[in-house]
Amino acid sequence: MSRVTAVDHLVVSVTDFAVSREFYSGLMGFLGFEVLDELTDMMGWTNGTTRLWISQADKQGLKHPYRKGDPGFHHYAWSLRNRQDVDELQAWLTEHHVTVVDPAGEYYPDYYAVFFLDPDGMKLEGMFYGAEK
């Protein structure tokens, strides 16, 4: 029987590759990711374990802008080391004028997170779960 060992990568289609490349380059750099590869209409980052790619949406896809709640992508969450990392991410988001939809706080018992939007309105999250050590 096959067994999954990890989520290798996620690819997000974007409406404006140049705008999203600038946004994700800053964000991924702040989160400790390095550029994996950059093509004409795709770019990827890695931290050695996780990979994220963005790709230019095709003409048909551009007719249907992203709307959270439609079938498909709901949000993507990065697990951070501690609550301070979540707070530092929120400070970076604020400094870079990124839309924060739910500010850093405890959303469930022992679940601390900040939720924000990419240039296409896709919801992203930086979170810490578990007791501080």
N, C-alpha and C. Protein backbone atom coordinates (compact mmCIF):
# COMPACT_ATOMS: atom_id res chain seq x y z
N MET A 1 0.84 -1.18 0.00
CA MET A 1 0.00 0.00 0.00
C MET A 1 0.89 1.25 0.00
N SER A 2 0.54 2.24 -0.82
CA SER A 2 1.28 3.49 -0.89
C SER A 2 1.06 4.32 0.36
N ARG A 3 2.07 5.07 0.76
CA ARG A 3 1.98 5.94 1.93
C ARG A 3 2.54 7.32 1.55
N VAL A 4 1.80 8.35 1.89
CA VAL A 4 2.26 9.72 1.67
C VAL A 4 3.25 10.05 2.78
N THR A 5 4.38 10.65 2.41
CA THR A 5 5.38 11.04 3.40
C THR A 5 5.34 12.54 3.69
N ALA A 6 4.77 13.32 2.77
CA ALA A 6 4.69 14.77 2.96
C ALA A 6 3.90 15.37 1.81
N VAL A 7 3.47 16.60 1.98
CA VAL A 7 2.95 17.38 0.85
C VAL A 7 4.18 18.00 0.19
N ASP A 8 4.44 17.66 -1.05
CA ASP A 8 5.64 18.12 -1.72
C ASP A 8 5.54 19.58 -2.16
N HIS A 9 4.44 19.93 -2.84
CA HIS A 9 4.31 21.31 -3.30
C HIS A 9 2.85 21.65 -3.58
N LEU A 10 2.61 22.95 -3.65
CA LEU A 10 1.32 23.50 -4.00
C LEU A 10 1.59 24.50 -5.12
N VAL A 11 0.74 24.49 -6.15
CA VAL A 11 0.84 25.45 -7.25
C VAL A 11 -0.43 26.30 -7.22
N VAL A 12 -0.26 27.62 -7.19
CA VAL A 12 -1.37 28.56 -7.16
C VAL A 12 -1.38 29.31 -8.49
N SER A 13 -2.52 29.26 -9.20
CA SER A 13 -2.67 30.04 -10.43
C SER A 13 -3.03 31.47 -10.06
N VAL A 14 -2.41 32.43 -10.72
CA VAL A 14 -2.60 33.85 -10.39
C VAL A 14 -3.03 34.63 -11.62
N THR A 15 -3.72 35.76 -11.40
CA THR A 15 -4.19 36.55 -12.54
C THR A 15 -3.13 37.45 -13.13
N ASP A 16 -2.24 37.99 -12.32
CA ASP A 16 -1.19 38.88 -12.80
C ASP A 16 0.14 38.37 -12.25
N PHE A 17 0.88 37.66 -13.09
CA PHE A 17 2.09 37.00 -12.64
C PHE A 17 3.10 37.99 -12.06
N ALA A 18 3.27 39.16 -12.68
CA ALA A 18 4.27 40.13 -12.20
C ALA A 18 3.91 40.63 -10.80
N VAL A 19 2.65 40.95 -10.57
CA VAL A 19 2.21 41.44 -9.26
C VAL A 19 2.37 40.34 -8.21
N SER A 20 1.95 39.12 -8.55
CA SER A 20 2.05 38.01 -7.60
C SER A 20 3.49 37.62 -7.35
N ARG A 21 4.34 37.69 -8.37
CA ARG A 21 5.76 37.38 -8.19
C ARG A 21 6.37 38.34 -7.16
N GLU A 22 6.05 39.61 -7.25
CA GLU A 22 6.57 40.59 -6.29
C GLU A 22 6.06 40.29 -4.88
N PHE A 23 4.76 40.03 -4.75
CA PHE A 23 4.17 39.73 -3.45
C PHE A 23 4.78 38.48 -2.84
N TYR A 24 4.74 37.38 -3.59
CA TYR A 24 5.23 36.11 -3.04
C TYR A 24 6.74 36.11 -2.83
N SER A 25 7.48 36.81 -3.66
CA SER A 25 8.94 36.88 -3.44
C SER A 25 9.24 37.50 -2.09
N GLY A 26 8.56 38.58 -1.76
CA GLY A 26 8.76 39.21 -0.45
C GLY A 26 8.31 38.32 0.69
N LEU A 27 7.11 37.77 0.56
CA LEU A 27 6.55 36.92 1.60
C LEU A 27 7.39 35.67 1.81
N MET A 28 7.72 34.99 0.74
CA MET A 28 8.46 33.74 0.88
C MET A 28 9.87 34.00 1.42
N GLY A 29 10.49 35.09 1.01
CA GLY A 29 11.79 35.45 1.57
C GLY A 29 11.69 35.71 3.07
N PHE A 30 10.65 36.42 3.49
CA PHE A 30 10.45 36.68 4.91
C PHE A 30 10.25 35.38 5.69
N LEU A 31 9.57 34.42 5.09
CA LEU A 31 9.30 33.14 5.75
C LEU A 31 10.47 32.16 5.67
N GLY A 32 11.57 32.58 5.07
CA GLY A 32 12.77 31.74 5.05
C GLY A 32 12.88 30.82 3.84
N PHE A 33 12.10 31.06 2.80
CA PHE A 33 12.16 30.26 1.59
C PHE A 33 13.17 30.87 0.61
N GLU A 34 13.73 30.05 -0.22
CA GLU A 34 14.63 30.49 -1.29
C GLU A 34 14.00 30.16 -2.63
N VAL A 35 14.38 30.91 -3.65
CA VAL A 35 13.87 30.66 -5.00
C VAL A 35 14.36 29.28 -5.45
N LEU A 36 13.43 28.48 -5.89
CA LEU A 36 13.73 27.15 -6.43
C LEU A 36 14.00 27.25 -7.93
N ASP A 37 13.13 27.98 -8.62
CA ASP A 37 13.28 28.17 -10.07
C ASP A 37 12.33 29.28 -10.49
N GLU A 38 12.69 29.94 -11.59
CA GLU A 38 11.81 30.96 -12.16
C GLU A 38 11.78 30.79 -13.66
N LEU A 39 10.58 30.65 -14.19
CA LEU A 39 10.35 30.52 -15.62
C LEU A 39 9.58 31.75 -16.08
N THR A 40 9.22 31.81 -17.34
CA THR A 40 8.50 32.96 -17.88
C THR A 40 7.18 33.19 -17.15
N ASP A 41 6.45 32.12 -16.88
CA ASP A 41 5.12 32.26 -16.28
C ASP A 41 4.92 31.39 -15.04
N MET A 42 6.02 30.97 -14.43
CA MET A 42 5.97 30.17 -13.19
C MET A 42 7.16 30.53 -12.32
N MET A 43 6.98 30.45 -11.01
CA MET A 43 8.08 30.66 -10.08
C MET A 43 7.82 29.81 -8.86
N GLY A 44 8.90 29.24 -8.31
CA GLY A 44 8.76 28.39 -7.15
C GLY A 44 9.77 28.72 -6.07
N TRP A 45 9.39 28.45 -4.81
CA TRP A 45 10.24 28.67 -3.65
C TRP A 45 10.27 27.39 -2.82
N THR A 46 11.34 27.22 -2.04
CA THR A 46 11.43 26.07 -1.15
C THR A 46 12.15 26.46 0.13
N ASN A 47 11.82 25.77 1.21
CA ASN A 47 12.57 25.90 2.45
C ASN A 47 13.31 24.60 2.75
N GLY A 48 13.41 23.73 1.75
CA GLY A 48 14.07 22.44 1.90
C GLY A 48 13.11 21.32 2.20
N THR A 49 11.91 21.66 2.62
CA THR A 49 10.88 20.66 2.92
C THR A 49 9.61 20.91 2.12
N THR A 50 9.19 22.16 2.10
CA THR A 50 7.94 22.57 1.46
C THR A 50 8.25 23.41 0.23
N ARG A 51 7.44 23.25 -0.80
CA ARG A 51 7.59 24.06 -2.01
C ARG A 51 6.26 24.74 -2.32
N LEU A 52 6.35 25.97 -2.80
CA LEU A 52 5.19 26.71 -3.28
C LEU A 52 5.53 27.27 -4.64
N TRP A 53 4.62 27.08 -5.58
CA TRP A 53 4.78 27.62 -6.93
C TRP A 53 3.61 28.55 -7.23
N ILE A 54 3.87 29.59 -8.02
CA ILE A 54 2.80 30.38 -8.61
C ILE A 54 2.91 30.21 -10.12
N SER A 55 1.77 30.28 -10.78
CA SER A 55 1.72 30.09 -12.23
C SER A 55 0.68 31.04 -12.80
N GLN A 56 0.98 31.62 -13.94
CA GLN A 56 0.04 32.51 -14.60
C GLN A 56 -1.19 31.72 -15.03
N ALA A 57 -2.38 32.19 -14.65
CA ALA A 57 -3.63 31.56 -15.09
C ALA A 57 -3.76 31.70 -16.60
N ASP A 58 -4.41 30.74 -17.24
CA ASP A 58 -4.62 30.82 -18.68
C ASP A 58 -5.81 31.72 -18.99
N LYS A 59 -6.06 31.97 -20.28
CA LYS A 59 -7.12 32.91 -20.69
C LYS A 59 -8.49 32.47 -20.18
N GLN A 60 -8.78 31.19 -20.24
CA GLN A 60 -10.06 30.68 -19.74
C GLN A 60 -10.18 30.91 -18.23
N GLY A 61 -9.08 30.66 -17.52
CA GLY A 61 -9.10 30.85 -16.07
C GLY A 61 -9.28 32.31 -15.66
N LEU A 62 -8.77 33.22 -16.47
CA LEU A 62 -8.90 34.65 -16.16
C LEU A 62 -10.35 35.13 -16.21
N LYS A 63 -11.22 34.35 -16.87
CA LYS A 63 -12.64 34.71 -16.95
C LYS A 63 -13.37 34.44 -15.64
N HIS A 64 -12.73 33.67 -14.75
CA HIS A 64 -13.35 33.27 -13.49
C HIS A 64 -12.45 33.65 -12.33
N PRO A 65 -12.54 34.89 -11.86
CA PRO A 65 -11.66 35.28 -10.75
C PRO A 65 -11.90 34.42 -9.52
N TYR A 66 -10.87 34.32 -8.71
CA TYR A 66 -10.93 33.53 -7.49
C TYR A 66 -12.00 34.06 -6.55
N ARG A 67 -12.76 33.15 -5.96
CA ARG A 67 -13.72 33.50 -4.92
C ARG A 67 -13.69 32.41 -3.86
N LYS A 68 -13.23 32.79 -2.65
CA LYS A 68 -13.21 31.82 -1.55
C LYS A 68 -14.64 31.36 -1.30
N GLY A 69 -14.82 30.09 -1.21
CA GLY A 69 -16.14 29.52 -1.03
C GLY A 69 -16.57 28.69 -2.24
N ASP A 70 -15.97 28.97 -3.41
CA ASP A 70 -16.21 28.13 -4.57
C ASP A 70 -15.48 26.80 -4.36
N PRO A 71 -15.85 25.76 -5.10
CA PRO A 71 -15.09 24.52 -5.00
C PRO A 71 -13.61 24.79 -5.32
N GLY A 72 -12.74 24.13 -4.61
CA GLY A 72 -11.31 24.29 -4.84
C GLY A 72 -10.61 24.88 -3.63
N PHE A 73 -9.59 25.63 -3.89
CA PHE A 73 -8.71 26.19 -2.88
C PHE A 73 -9.47 27.04 -1.86
N HIS A 74 -9.33 26.75 -0.59
CA HIS A 74 -9.94 27.56 0.47
C HIS A 74 -8.90 28.47 1.10
N HIS A 75 -7.82 27.89 1.65
CA HIS A 75 -6.70 28.69 2.14
C HIS A 75 -5.50 27.78 2.35
N TYR A 76 -4.35 28.42 2.48
CA TYR A 76 -3.09 27.70 2.66
C TYR A 76 -2.46 28.23 3.94
N ALA A 77 -2.04 27.34 4.84
CA ALA A 77 -1.48 27.74 6.14
C ALA A 77 -0.05 27.26 6.28
N TRP A 78 0.81 28.16 6.76
CA TRP A 78 2.18 27.81 7.10
C TRP A 78 2.26 27.65 8.61
N SER A 79 2.81 26.54 9.06
CA SER A 79 3.03 26.31 10.48
C SER A 79 4.32 27.04 10.88
N LEU A 80 4.20 27.93 11.83
CA LEU A 80 5.35 28.71 12.29
C LEU A 80 5.86 28.15 13.62
N ARG A 81 7.04 28.60 14.04
CA ARG A 81 7.70 28.03 15.22
C ARG A 81 7.05 28.38 16.54
N ASN A 82 6.45 29.59 16.61
CA ASN A 82 5.90 30.05 17.88
C ASN A 82 4.99 31.26 17.64
N ARG A 83 4.39 31.75 18.70
CA ARG A 83 3.48 32.91 18.58
C ARG A 83 4.24 34.16 18.15
N GLN A 84 5.47 34.31 18.59
CA GLN A 84 6.26 35.48 18.18
C GLN A 84 6.42 35.51 16.66
N ASP A 85 6.62 34.36 16.04
CA ASP A 85 6.72 34.32 14.58
C ASP A 85 5.43 34.79 13.92
N VAL A 86 4.28 34.42 14.50
CA VAL A 86 3.00 34.87 13.98
C VAL A 86 2.91 36.39 14.09
N ASP A 87 3.29 36.94 15.23
CA ASP A 87 3.27 38.39 15.43
C ASP A 87 4.22 39.10 14.47
N GLU A 88 5.39 38.53 14.27
CA GLU A 88 6.36 39.12 13.33
C GLU A 88 5.84 39.08 11.90
N LEU A 89 5.16 38.00 11.54
CA LEU A 89 4.55 37.93 10.21
C LEU A 89 3.51 39.03 10.07
N GLN A 90 2.66 39.20 11.07
CA GLN A 90 1.65 40.26 10.97
C GLN A 90 2.31 41.63 10.83
N ALA A 91 3.39 41.88 11.55
CA ALA A 91 4.09 43.16 11.42
C ALA A 91 4.62 43.33 9.99
N TRP A 92 5.17 42.27 9.42
CA TRP A 92 5.66 42.33 8.03
C TRP A 92 4.51 42.62 7.07
N LEU A 93 3.38 41.94 7.28
CA LEU A 93 2.21 42.14 6.41
C LEU A 93 1.74 43.59 6.48
N THR A 94 1.67 44.14 7.69
CA THR A 94 1.23 45.52 7.87
C THR A 94 2.20 46.48 7.21
N GLU A 95 3.48 46.25 7.40
CA GLU A 95 4.51 47.11 6.80
C GLU A 95 4.43 47.10 5.28
N HIS A 96 4.02 45.98 4.70
CA HIS A 96 3.95 45.85 3.24
C HIS A 96 2.54 46.03 2.70
N HIS A 97 1.65 46.56 3.53
CA HIS A 97 0.29 46.91 3.12
C HIS A 97 -0.50 45.72 2.57
N VAL A 98 -0.29 44.56 3.16
CA VAL A 98 -1.02 43.36 2.79
C VAL A 98 -2.33 43.34 3.59
N THR A 99 -3.42 42.95 2.96
CA THR A 99 -4.71 42.91 3.63
C THR A 99 -4.73 41.78 4.66
N VAL A 100 -4.87 42.16 5.92
CA VAL A 100 -5.02 41.19 7.01
C VAL A 100 -6.52 41.08 7.27
N VAL A 101 -7.07 39.87 7.09
CA VAL A 101 -8.51 39.70 7.27
C VAL A 101 -8.87 39.28 8.69
N ASP A 102 -7.98 38.58 9.34
CA ASP A 102 -8.17 38.19 10.74
C ASP A 102 -6.83 38.37 11.43
N PRO A 103 -6.72 39.36 12.33
CA PRO A 103 -5.42 39.66 12.94
C PRO A 103 -4.94 38.56 13.87
N ALA A 104 -3.66 38.62 14.20
CA ALA A 104 -3.04 37.63 15.07
C ALA A 104 -3.84 37.50 16.36
N GLY A 105 -4.20 36.27 16.67
CA GLY A 105 -4.97 36.00 17.88
C GLY A 105 -5.18 34.51 18.03
N GLU A 106 -5.77 34.15 19.15
CA GLU A 106 -6.06 32.74 19.43
C GLU A 106 -7.46 32.43 18.90
N TYR A 107 -7.52 31.63 17.86
CA TYR A 107 -8.79 31.33 17.19
C TYR A 107 -9.44 30.07 17.71
N TYR A 108 -8.67 29.20 18.29
CA TYR A 108 -9.14 27.98 18.95
C TYR A 108 -8.22 27.80 20.15
N PRO A 109 -8.60 26.96 21.09
CA PRO A 109 -7.68 26.75 22.22
C PRO A 109 -6.29 26.35 21.73
N ASP A 110 -5.30 27.15 22.10
CA ASP A 110 -3.90 26.88 21.78
C ASP A 110 -3.60 26.92 20.28
N TYR A 111 -4.39 27.70 19.52
CA TYR A 111 -4.20 27.85 18.07
C TYR A 111 -4.12 29.34 17.78
N TYR A 112 -2.92 29.83 17.50
CA TYR A 112 -2.65 31.26 17.32
C TYR A 112 -2.31 31.50 15.86
N ALA A 113 -2.99 32.45 15.22
CA ALA A 113 -2.83 32.60 13.78
C ALA A 113 -3.11 34.03 13.32
N VAL A 114 -2.62 34.34 12.12
CA VAL A 114 -2.98 35.55 11.39
C VAL A 114 -3.39 35.10 9.99
N PHE A 115 -4.46 35.70 9.47
CA PHE A 115 -5.00 35.36 8.16
C PHE A 115 -4.91 36.60 7.27
N PHE A 116 -4.50 36.39 6.02
CA PHE A 116 -4.29 37.52 5.12
C PHE A 116 -4.55 37.10 3.68
N LEU A 117 -4.57 38.08 2.76
CA LEU A 117 -4.92 37.81 1.37
C LEU A 117 -3.74 38.08 0.44
N ASP A 118 -3.63 37.26 -0.59
CA ASP A 118 -2.64 37.52 -1.65
C ASP A 118 -3.27 38.49 -2.65
N PRO A 119 -2.57 38.91 -3.71
CA PRO A 119 -3.12 39.89 -4.64
C PRO A 119 -4.42 39.45 -5.33
N ASP A 120 -4.67 38.14 -5.42
CA ASP A 120 -5.91 37.65 -6.02
C ASP A 120 -7.02 37.44 -5.00
N GLY A 121 -6.75 37.75 -3.73
CA GLY A 121 -7.74 37.56 -2.69
C GLY A 121 -7.74 36.16 -2.11
N MET A 122 -6.73 35.35 -2.45
CA MET A 122 -6.64 34.01 -1.87
C MET A 122 -6.19 34.12 -0.42
N LYS A 123 -6.87 33.39 0.45
CA LYS A 123 -6.60 33.48 1.88
C LYS A 123 -5.39 32.64 2.24
N LEU A 124 -4.48 33.25 2.98
CA LEU A 124 -3.26 32.60 3.47
C LEU A 124 -3.21 32.75 4.97
N GLU A 125 -2.43 31.89 5.63
CA GLU A 125 -2.40 31.90 7.09
C GLU A 125 -1.01 31.55 7.59
N GLY A 126 -0.60 32.25 8.61
CA GLY A 126 0.57 31.86 9.38
C GLY A 126 0.07 31.47 10.76
N MET A 127 0.42 30.26 11.23
CA MET A 127 -0.18 29.78 12.48
C MET A 127 0.82 29.02 13.33
N PHE A 128 0.49 28.98 14.62
CA PHE A 128 1.24 28.16 15.57
C PHE A 128 0.24 27.40 16.41
N TYR A 129 0.43 26.09 16.50
CA TYR A 129 -0.46 25.24 17.27
C TYR A 129 0.38 24.44 18.26
N GLY A 130 -0.04 24.43 19.48
CA GLY A 130 0.67 23.65 20.48
C GLY A 130 1.20 24.54 21.58
N ALA A 131 1.42 23.98 22.69
CA ALA A 131 1.90 24.74 23.84
C ALA A 131 3.28 25.32 23.58
N GLU A 132 3.47 26.54 23.98
CA GLU A 132 4.79 27.17 23.91
C GLU A 132 5.74 26.41 24.81
N LYS A 133 6.96 26.26 24.38
CA LYS A 133 7.97 25.58 25.21
C LYS A 133 8.97 26.55 25.72
